[in-house]
Each structure stands twice: as structure tokens, then as C-alpha cells.
């Protein structure tokens, strides 16, 4: 139990924040958005939920217990159960996000929010808001706790399939809500969760999306100098051969953002109108100048 010494945890977390300052801000913003979504866009409509948040919502609907208490107590119990199988970084960031979420939920409960007459629109807004929040947390390798802790610990201990195990748990919690909400609210909860998952994927991909540009040109040196000197980017030269002519045709491959890809295309066409340019969307790039492997 030495690892749960409060002073030691505080010191470890302070060191972690200094080393991962951007993670701290993204996790903070994400936790606040998730908490706002629960209180302003889920609880007033009695939507069903999944994971620990779903259990917290059930406690609110049935026993009128604040979700803040369930989120805090639930995550502490889960971390105490699974901490031996989890990495220190996972435990510290999960502890921070869960405690901040609990505090934010309690804070947002102090205010009243307008209730939309269209519950479907409320479910969409709730899914988008919570999806953005969770996406920001996941983007920096953080965790929102709850079933994440159960699944991660179960994988380490028993080698279970994380995706299926998480699906079964969340589905069970979602359908358990049927005893506290009606069918329409259950279905709206399913809509919210679907929008939430789509939004999470969009947030994760939007930060890492790039363009892979492949240029086949007779002005290889000019294009290469433009990439290296003007754009200050690295590139890879690939030796190629024309299938019809048999002539050597070097190719330049480079990964850029959308604006830089357009700049390269315009420059290449200006020096070689006959250049052949291929642009492809890239979901993620890991390496120098892009995402560091520690953030995967």
C-alpha cells in the first residue's frame, strides 16, 4: 500500500505534470467537458449511459445520489483493485481525471440549465460534448477511469480481449438502465453513446491527420530544395523506373499538413507542369517532427 501514500502520489504527479504539461491541459479540458455534458445534457433527460458514468447516472435516477460521489468512489475502488497490473502513469492520470471530473460534476450541479424540447437534439449535443472531452483525454494517452481500469487490469492479469470485454461490460450497464428509465430514454442513451464514439474517433484523427505527398518530376533537385530549405521538412527519395519507357524516374515522398501540401503542389506545378503528384490522407504519423512514440 506504500504506493498510495498521499504525499508520494502528489510528488509523483507533480513530476508527471512538469514532464507532460500539454497532457495536463488537455486532460483538464476534457474532464471539464465530460462533466458538463453529464449534468447539462444527460441528467435532465434521464438518458441511459454506459461504463462507470452509466452506474453514476443510475444512482442519480434511482437514489438521487450525485454522480460526483459515484465517479470518485468508483474510480478509487477500481484503482485500488487493479493498480498492481497498471502502469504508474496510467494510475496517476486516471486518478487526476476522475477526481477532477467528480469536482466538476459537483460544481456544475450548482446551476440550472435550459431543457431542450427535442430530446434527440439533446442526445446529439451530449454525445458531441462528451466525445470531444473524452477524445482530448485519450489523445494524450490519459484515461477517464471506470471500465478502462477494469479492462486494462483484466488484460494484464488474464489476457482478455480488451474490445470485447469492454463491449460486454458497457452493454450490460446500458441495459441495466432499463429498470430506471423508459425505452425511449434507453434508446436515446444508445444514440448519445454512438455519437460520442464517432466524435472521439474524429477528435483523435483530426490532431494526427496529415497528407502523404508523392511527387514524380524531372525537376527533382528543385522540388527537393524547396521541401528541405523553404519548408524545412524532411523527405525521402525513392528510386523508380517508368514501366513504359524504362527510364529512371526518382520519386519524392513527404508527409505534410494540408496547407503545406498545397504549397508543395503549387510550387511543383510551377517548375514542372508535367509533374505527377499523388496525395493521400494519413491518419497518424509517428516519428521525429510528428507524434512521439511515447504518446502512442
C-alpha atoms as a PDB file:
ATOM      1  CA  UNK A   1       0.000   0.000   0.000  1.00  0.00           C
ATOM      2  CA  UNK A   2       3.040   2.272   0.053  1.00  0.00           C
ATOM      3  CA  UNK A   3       2.228   3.383  -3.451  1.00  0.00           C
ATOM      4  CA  UNK A   4      -0.998   5.012  -2.235  1.00  0.00           C
ATOM      5  CA  UNK A   5       0.797   7.303   0.250  1.00  0.00           C
ATOM      6  CA  UNK A   6      -0.790  10.703  -0.455  1.00  0.00           C
ATOM      7  CA  UNK A   7       2.455  12.654  -0.241  1.00  0.00           C
ATOM      8  CA  UNK A   8       4.232  10.252  -2.563  1.00  0.00           C
ATOM      9  CA  UNK A   9       1.355  10.344  -5.041  1.00  0.00           C
ATOM     10  CA  UNK A  10       1.378  14.151  -5.011  1.00  0.00           C
ATOM     11  CA  UNK A  11       5.139  14.238  -5.657  1.00  0.00           C
ATOM     12  CA  UNK A  12       4.886  11.711  -8.484  1.00  0.00           C
ATOM     13  CA  UNK A  13       2.020  13.593 -10.066  1.00  0.00           C
ATOM     14  CA  UNK A  14       3.909  16.896  -9.811  1.00  0.00           C
ATOM     15  CA  UNK A  15       6.848  15.358 -11.650  1.00  0.00           C
ATOM     16  CA  UNK A  16       4.486  13.898 -14.257  1.00  0.00           C
ATOM     17  CA  UNK A  17       2.823  17.279 -14.875  1.00  0.00           C
ATOM     18  CA  UNK A  18       6.186  19.000 -15.313  1.00  0.00           C
ATOM     19  CA  UNK A  19       7.203  16.341 -17.826  1.00  0.00           C
ATOM     20  CA  UNK A  20       3.843  16.312 -19.660  1.00  0.00           C
ATOM     21  CA  UNK A  21       2.487  19.846 -19.403  1.00  0.00           C
ATOM     22  CA  UNK A  22       0.342  19.575 -22.534  1.00  0.00           C
ATOM     23  CA  UNK A  23      -1.195  16.342 -21.225  1.00  0.00           C
ATOM     24  CA  UNK A  24      -2.269  18.200 -18.082  1.00  0.00           C
ATOM     25  CA  UNK A  25      -4.128  20.888 -20.022  1.00  0.00           C
ATOM     26  CA  UNK A  26      -5.802  18.522 -22.480  1.00  0.00           C
ATOM     27  CA  UNK A  27      -6.856  16.176 -19.661  1.00  0.00           C
ATOM     28  CA  UNK A  28      -8.213  19.102 -17.635  1.00  0.00           C
ATOM     29  CA  UNK A  29     -10.268  20.498 -20.516  1.00  0.00           C
ATOM     30  CA  UNK A  30     -11.517  17.033 -21.426  1.00  0.00           C
ATOM     31  CA  UNK A  31     -12.619  16.228 -17.871  1.00  0.00           C
ATOM     32  CA  UNK A  32     -14.500  19.534 -17.580  1.00  0.00           C
ATOM     33  CA  UNK A  33     -16.326  18.990 -20.893  1.00  0.00           C
ATOM     34  CA  UNK A  34     -17.351  15.459 -19.911  1.00  0.00           C
ATOM     35  CA  UNK A  35     -18.668  16.664 -16.554  1.00  0.00           C
ATOM     36  CA  UNK A  36     -20.651  19.487 -18.144  1.00  0.00           C
ATOM     37  CA  UNK A  37     -22.215  17.055 -20.596  1.00  0.00           C
ATOM     38  CA  UNK A  38     -23.351  14.725 -17.798  1.00  0.00           C
ATOM     39  CA  UNK A  39     -25.068  17.453 -15.776  1.00  0.00           C
ATOM     40  CA  UNK A  40     -26.421  19.712 -18.531  1.00  0.00           C
ATOM     41  CA  UNK A  41     -27.180  17.301 -21.377  1.00  0.00           C
ATOM     42  CA  UNK A  42     -27.740  13.848 -19.850  1.00  0.00           C
ATOM     43  CA  UNK A  43     -29.218  14.046 -16.341  1.00  0.00           C
ATOM     44  CA  UNK A  44     -32.105  16.446 -17.197  1.00  0.00           C
ATOM     45  CA  UNK A  45     -33.341  13.991 -19.861  1.00  0.00           C
ATOM     46  CA  UNK A  46     -32.677  10.815 -17.844  1.00  0.00           C
ATOM     47  CA  UNK A  47     -30.695   9.276 -20.699  1.00  0.00           C
ATOM     48  CA  UNK A  48     -29.155   5.866 -20.076  1.00  0.00           C
ATOM     49  CA  UNK A  49     -25.369   5.582 -20.028  1.00  0.00           C
ATOM     50  CA  UNK A  50     -22.559   3.048 -20.081  1.00  0.00           C
ATOM     51  CA  UNK A  51     -19.451   2.459 -18.017  1.00  0.00           C
ATOM     52  CA  UNK A  52     -18.983   3.974 -14.572  1.00  0.00           C
ATOM     53  CA  UNK A  53     -20.798   7.107 -15.771  1.00  0.00           C
ATOM     54  CA  UNK A  54     -23.790   4.873 -16.538  1.00  0.00           C
ATOM     55  CA  UNK A  55     -23.701   3.497 -12.981  1.00  0.00           C
ATOM     56  CA  UNK A  56     -23.445   7.059 -11.644  1.00  0.00           C
ATOM     57  CA  UNK A  57     -26.500   8.059 -13.689  1.00  0.00           C
ATOM     58  CA  UNK A  58     -28.448   5.074 -12.360  1.00  0.00           C
ATOM     59  CA  UNK A  59     -27.581   6.091  -8.803  1.00  0.00           C
ATOM     60  CA  UNK A  60     -28.886   9.578  -9.554  1.00  0.00           C
ATOM     61  CA  UNK A  61     -32.145   8.382 -11.126  1.00  0.00           C
ATOM     62  CA  UNK A  62     -32.948   5.730  -8.514  1.00  0.00           C
ATOM     63  CA  UNK A  63     -31.424   7.011  -5.259  1.00  0.00           C
ATOM     64  CA  UNK A  64     -30.932  10.729  -6.095  1.00  0.00           C
ATOM     65  CA  UNK A  65     -27.207  10.427  -5.322  1.00  0.00           C
ATOM     66  CA  UNK A  66     -24.914  12.921  -7.009  1.00  0.00           C
ATOM     67  CA  UNK A  67     -22.876  11.363  -9.861  1.00  0.00           C
ATOM     68  CA  UNK A  68     -19.816  13.079  -8.366  1.00  0.00           C
ATOM     69  CA  UNK A  69     -19.751  10.661  -5.417  1.00  0.00           C
ATOM     70  CA  UNK A  70     -20.170   7.558  -7.555  1.00  0.00           C
ATOM     71  CA  UNK A  71     -17.476   8.630 -10.033  1.00  0.00           C
ATOM     72  CA  UNK A  72     -14.975   9.438  -7.264  1.00  0.00           C
ATOM     73  CA  UNK A  73     -15.660   6.390  -5.098  1.00  0.00           C
ATOM     74  CA  UNK A  74     -15.946   4.018  -8.047  1.00  0.00           C
ATOM     75  CA  UNK A  75     -12.636   5.049  -9.592  1.00  0.00           C
ATOM     76  CA  UNK A  76     -10.814   4.918  -6.252  1.00  0.00           C
ATOM     77  CA  UNK A  77     -12.080   1.389  -5.633  1.00  0.00           C
ATOM     78  CA  UNK A  78     -11.216   0.260  -9.159  1.00  0.00           C
ATOM     79  CA  UNK A  79      -7.718   1.747  -8.994  1.00  0.00           C
ATOM     80  CA  UNK A  80      -7.149   0.140  -5.590  1.00  0.00           C
ATOM     81  CA  UNK A  81      -8.205  -3.201  -7.121  1.00  0.00           C
ATOM     82  CA  UNK A  82      -6.139  -3.006 -10.286  1.00  0.00           C
ATOM     83  CA  UNK A  83      -3.142  -0.784  -9.502  1.00  0.00           C
ATOM     84  CA  UNK A  84      -0.637  -3.654  -9.395  1.00  0.00           C
ATOM     85  CA  UNK A  85      -1.401  -4.506 -13.027  1.00  0.00           C
ATOM     86  CA  UNK A  86      -1.355  -0.881 -14.244  1.00  0.00           C
ATOM     87  CA  UNK A  87       1.488   1.473 -15.103  1.00  0.00           C
ATOM     88  CA  UNK A  88       2.198   4.376 -12.699  1.00  0.00           C
ATOM     89  CA  UNK A  89       1.440   6.888 -15.475  1.00  0.00           C
ATOM     90  CA  UNK A  90      -1.964   5.307 -16.178  1.00  0.00           C
ATOM     91  CA  UNK A  91      -2.848   5.305 -12.461  1.00  0.00           C
ATOM     92  CA  UNK A  92      -1.810   8.937 -11.871  1.00  0.00           C
ATOM     93  CA  UNK A  93      -3.586  10.408 -14.887  1.00  0.00           C
ATOM     94  CA  UNK A  94      -6.700   8.297 -14.251  1.00  0.00           C
ATOM     95  CA  UNK A  95      -6.728   9.434 -10.631  1.00  0.00           C
ATOM     96  CA  UNK A  96      -6.384  13.076 -11.688  1.00  0.00           C
ATOM     97  CA  UNK A  97      -9.102  12.934 -14.384  1.00  0.00           C
ATOM     98  CA  UNK A  98     -11.549  11.050 -12.160  1.00  0.00           C
ATOM     99  CA  UNK A  99     -11.085  13.385  -9.166  1.00  0.00           C
ATOM    100  CA  UNK A 100     -11.315  16.475 -11.367  1.00  0.00           C
ATOM    101  CA  UNK A 101     -14.436  15.068 -13.058  1.00  0.00           C
ATOM    102  CA  UNK A 102     -16.050  14.482  -9.663  1.00  0.00           C
ATOM    103  CA  UNK A 103     -15.294  18.050  -8.581  1.00  0.00           C
ATOM    104  CA  UNK A 104     -16.507  19.477 -11.880  1.00  0.00           C
ATOM    105  CA  UNK A 105     -19.757  17.482 -11.710  1.00  0.00           C
ATOM    106  CA  UNK A 106     -20.408  18.834  -8.208  1.00  0.00           C
ATOM    107  CA  UNK A 107     -19.660  22.363  -9.457  1.00  0.00           C
ATOM    108  CA  UNK A 108     -21.960  22.166 -12.492  1.00  0.00           C
ATOM    109  CA  UNK A 109     -24.772  20.830 -10.277  1.00  0.00           C
ATOM    110  CA  UNK A 110     -24.933  24.282  -8.674  1.00  0.00           C
ATOM    111  CA  UNK A 111     -26.501  25.767 -11.806  1.00  0.00           C
ATOM    112  CA  UNK A 112     -29.748  25.337 -13.717  1.00  0.00           C
ATOM    113  CA  UNK A 113     -29.715  24.634 -17.454  1.00  0.00           C
ATOM    114  CA  UNK A 114     -32.330  25.157 -20.176  1.00  0.00           C
ATOM    115  CA  UNK A 115     -34.094  21.946 -21.193  1.00  0.00           C
ATOM    116  CA  UNK A 116     -34.458  21.359 -24.925  1.00  0.00           C
ATOM    117  CA  UNK A 117     -37.860  20.236 -26.159  1.00  0.00           C
ATOM    118  CA  UNK A 118     -36.214  17.982 -28.750  1.00  0.00           C
ATOM    119  CA  UNK A 119     -34.619  15.114 -26.816  1.00  0.00           C
ATOM    120  CA  UNK A 120     -32.931  13.761 -29.947  1.00  0.00           C
ATOM    121  CA  UNK A 121     -31.066  17.058 -30.352  1.00  0.00           C
ATOM    122  CA  UNK A 122     -30.094  16.888 -26.671  1.00  0.00           C
ATOM    123  CA  UNK A 123     -28.685  13.383 -27.205  1.00  0.00           C
ATOM    124  CA  UNK A 124     -26.665  14.597 -30.192  1.00  0.00           C
ATOM    125  CA  UNK A 125     -25.268  17.578 -28.278  1.00  0.00           C
ATOM    126  CA  UNK A 126     -24.493  15.393 -25.271  1.00  0.00           C
ATOM    127  CA  UNK A 127     -22.641  12.875 -27.437  1.00  0.00           C
ATOM    128  CA  UNK A 128     -20.619  15.572 -29.200  1.00  0.00           C
ATOM    129  CA  UNK A 129     -19.699  17.383 -25.986  1.00  0.00           C
ATOM    130  CA  UNK A 130     -18.693  14.262 -24.044  1.00  0.00           C
ATOM    131  CA  UNK A 131     -16.991  12.809 -27.140  1.00  0.00           C
ATOM    132  CA  UNK A 132     -14.797  15.891 -27.513  1.00  0.00           C
ATOM    133  CA  UNK A 133     -13.909  15.708 -23.825  1.00  0.00           C
ATOM    134  CA  UNK A 134     -13.029  12.014 -23.902  1.00  0.00           C
ATOM    135  CA  UNK A 135     -11.180  12.444 -27.187  1.00  0.00           C
ATOM    136  CA  UNK A 136      -8.956  15.126 -25.662  1.00  0.00           C
ATOM    137  CA  UNK A 137      -8.145  12.848 -22.726  1.00  0.00           C
ATOM    138  CA  UNK A 138      -7.469   9.823 -24.939  1.00  0.00           C
ATOM    139  CA  UNK A 139      -5.359  11.880 -27.354  1.00  0.00           C
ATOM    140  CA  UNK A 140      -2.680  12.442 -24.707  1.00  0.00           C
ATOM    141  CA  UNK A 141      -2.752   8.834 -23.517  1.00  0.00           C
ATOM    142  CA  UNK A 142      -4.922   9.575 -20.485  1.00  0.00           C
ATOM    143  CA  UNK A 143      -7.854   7.613 -19.141  1.00  0.00           C
ATOM    144  CA  UNK A 144     -11.280   8.540 -17.846  1.00  0.00           C
ATOM    145  CA  UNK A 145     -11.256   5.605 -15.423  1.00  0.00           C
ATOM    146  CA  UNK A 146     -14.254   3.340 -14.914  1.00  0.00           C
ATOM    147  CA  UNK A 147     -14.325   0.406 -17.312  1.00  0.00           C
ATOM    148  CA  UNK A 148     -10.929   1.498 -18.703  1.00  0.00           C
ATOM    149  CA  UNK A 149      -9.381   0.411 -15.403  1.00  0.00           C
ATOM    150  CA  UNK A 150     -11.259  -2.907 -15.353  1.00  0.00           C
ATOM    151  CA  UNK A 151     -10.370  -3.727 -18.947  1.00  0.00           C
ATOM    152  CA  UNK A 152      -6.706  -2.706 -18.673  1.00  0.00           C
ATOM    153  CA  UNK A 153      -6.205  -4.691 -15.458  1.00  0.00           C
ATOM    154  CA  UNK A 154      -8.090  -7.733 -16.810  1.00  0.00           C
ATOM    155  CA  UNK A 155      -5.929  -7.767 -19.926  1.00  0.00           C
ATOM    156  CA  UNK A 156      -2.743  -7.717 -17.870  1.00  0.00           C
ATOM    157  CA  UNK A 157      -3.954 -10.375 -15.432  1.00  0.00           C
ATOM    158  CA  UNK A 158      -5.954 -12.756 -17.617  1.00  0.00           C
ATOM    159  CA  UNK A 159      -5.154 -11.750 -21.203  1.00  0.00           C
ATOM    160  CA  UNK A 160      -8.762 -10.978 -22.152  1.00  0.00           C
ATOM    161  CA  UNK A 161      -9.654  -9.235 -25.399  1.00  0.00           C
ATOM    162  CA  UNK A 162      -9.999  -5.554 -24.439  1.00  0.00           C
ATOM    163  CA  UNK A 163     -12.530  -4.574 -27.105  1.00  0.00           C
ATOM    164  CA  UNK A 164     -14.976  -7.399 -26.489  1.00  0.00           C
ATOM    165  CA  UNK A 165     -14.603  -7.268 -22.702  1.00  0.00           C
ATOM    166  CA  UNK A 166     -15.334  -3.532 -22.692  1.00  0.00           C
ATOM    167  CA  UNK A 167     -18.307  -4.049 -25.031  1.00  0.00           C
ATOM    168  CA  UNK A 168     -19.876  -6.669 -22.771  1.00  0.00           C
ATOM    169  CA  UNK A 169     -19.485  -4.529 -19.637  1.00  0.00           C
ATOM    170  CA  UNK A 170     -20.887  -1.377 -21.225  1.00  0.00           C
ATOM    171  CA  UNK A 171     -23.767  -3.246 -22.859  1.00  0.00           C
ATOM    172  CA  UNK A 172     -24.713  -4.836 -19.538  1.00  0.00           C
ATOM    173  CA  UNK A 173     -24.715  -1.460 -17.763  1.00  0.00           C
ATOM    174  CA  UNK A 174     -26.686   0.160 -20.583  1.00  0.00           C
ATOM    175  CA  UNK A 175     -29.456  -2.450 -20.498  1.00  0.00           C
ATOM    176  CA  UNK A 176     -29.485  -2.451 -16.687  1.00  0.00           C
ATOM    177  CA  UNK A 177     -30.683   1.141 -17.032  1.00  0.00           C
ATOM    178  CA  UNK A 178     -33.991  -0.185 -18.410  1.00  0.00           C
ATOM    179  CA  UNK A 179     -35.130  -0.675 -14.815  1.00  0.00           C
ATOM    180  CA  UNK A 180     -34.736   3.064 -14.153  1.00  0.00           C
ATOM    181  CA  UNK A 181     -35.634   4.701 -17.485  1.00  0.00           C
ATOM    182  CA  UNK A 182     -38.197   4.085 -20.204  1.00  0.00           C
ATOM    183  CA  UNK A 183     -37.478   2.598 -23.624  1.00  0.00           C
ATOM    184  CA  UNK A 184     -37.177   5.972 -25.376  1.00  0.00           C
ATOM    185  CA  UNK A 185     -34.595   7.219 -22.884  1.00  0.00           C
ATOM    186  CA  UNK A 186     -32.713   3.951 -23.219  1.00  0.00           C
ATOM    187  CA  UNK A 187     -32.624   4.304 -26.999  1.00  0.00           C
ATOM    188  CA  UNK A 188     -31.608   7.964 -26.749  1.00  0.00           C
ATOM    189  CA  UNK A 189     -28.789   6.872 -24.478  1.00  0.00           C
ATOM    190  CA  UNK A 190     -27.682   4.492 -27.223  1.00  0.00           C
ATOM    191  CA  UNK A 191     -27.773   7.363 -29.740  1.00  0.00           C
ATOM    192  CA  UNK A 192     -25.687   9.505 -27.382  1.00  0.00           C
ATOM    193  CA  UNK A 193     -23.107   6.746 -26.951  1.00  0.00           C
ATOM    194  CA  UNK A 194     -22.868   6.219 -30.712  1.00  0.00           C
ATOM    195  CA  UNK A 195     -22.358   9.935 -31.391  1.00  0.00           C
ATOM    196  CA  UNK A 196     -19.858  10.022 -28.547  1.00  0.00           C
ATOM    197  CA  UNK A 197     -17.775   7.191 -30.052  1.00  0.00           C
ATOM    198  CA  UNK A 198     -17.828   8.791 -33.529  1.00  0.00           C
ATOM    199  CA  UNK A 199     -16.779  12.138 -32.045  1.00  0.00           C
ATOM    200  CA  UNK A 200     -13.931  10.524 -30.104  1.00  0.00           C
ATOM    201  CA  UNK A 201     -12.590   8.983 -33.308  1.00  0.00           C
ATOM    202  CA  UNK A 202     -12.895  12.321 -35.120  1.00  0.00           C
ATOM    203  CA  UNK A 203     -11.030  14.177 -32.370  1.00  0.00           C
ATOM    204  CA  UNK A 204      -8.234  11.614 -32.281  1.00  0.00           C
ATOM    205  CA  UNK A 205      -7.827  11.612 -36.067  1.00  0.00           C
ATOM    206  CA  UNK A 206      -8.095  15.372 -36.516  1.00  0.00           C
ATOM    207  CA  UNK A 207      -4.981  16.046 -34.445  1.00  0.00           C
ATOM    208  CA  UNK A 208      -2.855  13.484 -36.274  1.00  0.00           C
ATOM    209  CA  UNK A 209      -4.234  13.667 -39.828  1.00  0.00           C
ATOM    210  CA  UNK A 210      -1.642  14.535 -42.470  1.00  0.00           C
ATOM    211  CA  UNK A 211      -1.141  14.377 -46.213  1.00  0.00           C
ATOM    212  CA  UNK A 212       1.356  11.987 -47.748  1.00  0.00           C
ATOM    213  CA  UNK A 213       2.590  13.600 -50.969  1.00  0.00           C
ATOM    214  CA  UNK A 214       4.451  11.620 -53.618  1.00  0.00           C
ATOM    215  CA  UNK A 215       5.963  13.663 -56.457  1.00  0.00           C
ATOM    216  CA  UNK A 216       7.319  12.261 -59.713  1.00  0.00           C
ATOM    217  CA  UNK A 217       9.074  15.044 -61.602  1.00  0.00           C
ATOM    218  CA  UNK A 218      12.040  15.779 -63.835  1.00  0.00           C
ATOM    219  CA  UNK A 219      12.862  18.718 -61.528  1.00  0.00           C
ATOM    220  CA  UNK A 220      13.813  16.583 -58.568  1.00  0.00           C
ATOM    221  CA  UNK A 221      16.545  18.882 -57.221  1.00  0.00           C
ATOM    222  CA  UNK A 222      14.348  21.992 -57.320  1.00  0.00           C
ATOM    223  CA  UNK A 223      11.479  20.276 -55.534  1.00  0.00           C
ATOM    224  CA  UNK A 224      13.821  18.694 -53.002  1.00  0.00           C
ATOM    225  CA  UNK A 225      15.446  22.046 -52.186  1.00  0.00           C
ATOM    226  CA  UNK A 226      12.031  23.653 -51.772  1.00  0.00           C
ATOM    227  CA  UNK A 227      10.998  20.968 -49.267  1.00  0.00           C
ATOM    228  CA  UNK A 228      14.240  20.991 -47.293  1.00  0.00           C
ATOM    229  CA  UNK A 229      15.243  24.670 -47.432  1.00  0.00           C
ATOM    230  CA  UNK A 230      11.984  26.603 -47.781  1.00  0.00           C
ATOM    231  CA  UNK A 231       9.573  24.307 -45.958  1.00  0.00           C
ATOM    232  CA  UNK A 232      12.228  22.968 -43.550  1.00  0.00           C
ATOM    233  CA  UNK A 233      10.858  19.449 -43.838  1.00  0.00           C
ATOM    234  CA  UNK A 234      12.498  16.088 -44.417  1.00  0.00           C
ATOM    235  CA  UNK A 235      11.671  13.907 -47.396  1.00  0.00           C
ATOM    236  CA  UNK A 236      12.544  10.501 -48.825  1.00  0.00           C
ATOM    237  CA  UNK A 237      13.847   9.874 -52.326  1.00  0.00           C
ATOM    238  CA  UNK A 238      12.613   6.633 -53.862  1.00  0.00           C
ATOM    239  CA  UNK A 239      14.227   5.252 -56.977  1.00  0.00           C
ATOM    240  CA  UNK A 240      11.674   4.352 -59.617  1.00  0.00           C
ATOM    241  CA  UNK A 241      11.533   3.273 -63.222  1.00  0.00           C
ATOM    242  CA  UNK A 242       8.949   4.089 -65.868  1.00  0.00           C
ATOM    243  CA  UNK A 243       7.080   0.929 -66.888  1.00  0.00           C
ATOM    244  CA  UNK A 244       6.698   2.053 -70.498  1.00  0.00           C
ATOM    245  CA  UNK A 245       9.935   3.967 -71.149  1.00  0.00           C
ATOM    246  CA  UNK A 246      12.208   2.074 -68.758  1.00  0.00           C
ATOM    247  CA  UNK A 247      13.746   5.433 -67.825  1.00  0.00           C
ATOM    248  CA  UNK A 248      14.812   6.141 -64.254  1.00  0.00           C
ATOM    249  CA  UNK A 249      12.177   8.264 -62.501  1.00  0.00           C
ATOM    250  CA  UNK A 250      13.065   9.256 -58.903  1.00  0.00           C
ATOM    251  CA  UNK A 251      10.111   9.919 -56.603  1.00  0.00           C
ATOM    252  CA  UNK A 252       9.961  12.266 -53.629  1.00  0.00           C
ATOM    253  CA  UNK A 253       7.791  11.230 -50.681  1.00  0.00           C
ATOM    254  CA  UNK A 254       6.992  13.656 -47.856  1.00  0.00           C
ATOM    255  CA  UNK A 255       4.349  13.924 -45.117  1.00  0.00           C
ATOM    256  CA  UNK A 256       2.873  17.401 -44.570  1.00  0.00           C
ATOM    257  CA  UNK A 257      -0.163  19.124 -43.170  1.00  0.00           C
ATOM    258  CA  UNK A 258      -2.903  20.274 -45.561  1.00  0.00           C
ATOM    259  CA  UNK A 259      -1.589  23.817 -46.025  1.00  0.00           C
ATOM    260  CA  UNK A 260       1.973  22.656 -46.657  1.00  0.00           C
ATOM    261  CA  UNK A 261       0.759  20.005 -49.105  1.00  0.00           C
ATOM    262  CA  UNK A 262      -0.983  22.706 -51.128  1.00  0.00           C
ATOM    263  CA  UNK A 263       2.166  24.857 -51.094  1.00  0.00           C
ATOM    264  CA  UNK A 264       4.250  21.960 -52.391  1.00  0.00           C
ATOM    265  CA  UNK A 265       1.721  21.157 -55.103  1.00  0.00           C
ATOM    266  CA  UNK A 266       1.652  24.760 -56.360  1.00  0.00           C
ATOM    267  CA  UNK A 267       5.444  25.024 -56.368  1.00  0.00           C
ATOM    268  CA  UNK A 268       5.903  21.694 -58.139  1.00  0.00           C
ATOM    269  CA  UNK A 269       3.438  22.603 -60.878  1.00  0.00           C
ATOM    270  CA  UNK A 270       5.145  25.981 -61.314  1.00  0.00           C
ATOM    271  CA  UNK A 271       8.544  24.398 -62.061  1.00  0.00           C
ATOM    272  CA  UNK A 272       7.252  21.291 -63.830  1.00  0.00           C
ATOM    273  CA  UNK A 273       3.724  21.442 -65.322  1.00  0.00           C
ATOM    274  CA  UNK A 274       4.071  17.783 -66.337  1.00  0.00           C
ATOM    275  CA  UNK A 275       4.816  16.549 -62.809  1.00  0.00           C
ATOM    276  CA  UNK A 276       2.827  13.626 -61.441  1.00  0.00           C
ATOM    277  CA  UNK A 277       1.584  14.280 -57.876  1.00  0.00           C
ATOM    278  CA  UNK A 278      -0.168  11.797 -55.593  1.00  0.00           C
ATOM    279  CA  UNK A 279      -1.814  12.967 -52.357  1.00  0.00           C
ATOM    280  CA  UNK A 280      -3.146  10.539 -49.776  1.00  0.00           C
ATOM    281  CA  UNK A 281      -4.728  11.089 -46.365  1.00  0.00           C
ATOM    282  CA  UNK A 282      -2.682   9.717 -43.469  1.00  0.00           C
ATOM    283  CA  UNK A 283      -4.446   9.051 -40.159  1.00  0.00           C
ATOM    284  CA  UNK A 284      -1.335   9.066 -37.957  1.00  0.00           C
ATOM    285  CA  UNK A 285       2.396   9.703 -38.225  1.00  0.00           C
ATOM    286  CA  UNK A 286       4.888   8.645 -35.551  1.00  0.00           C
ATOM    287  CA  UNK A 287       8.469   9.877 -35.671  1.00  0.00           C
ATOM    288  CA  UNK A 288      10.664  12.968 -35.498  1.00  0.00           C
ATOM    289  CA  UNK A 289       8.704  16.119 -36.233  1.00  0.00           C
ATOM    290  CA  UNK A 290       5.355  14.395 -35.593  1.00  0.00           C
ATOM    291  CA  UNK A 291       3.865  12.361 -32.741  1.00  0.00           C
ATOM    292  CA  UNK A 292       6.425  10.900 -30.343  1.00  0.00           C
ATOM    293  CA  UNK A 293       6.257   7.148 -29.820  1.00  0.00           C
ATOM    294  CA  UNK A 294       5.684   7.698 -26.055  1.00  0.00           C
ATOM    295  CA  UNK A 295       2.313   9.286 -26.882  1.00  0.00           C
ATOM    296  CA  UNK A 296       1.014   6.289 -28.828  1.00  0.00           C
END
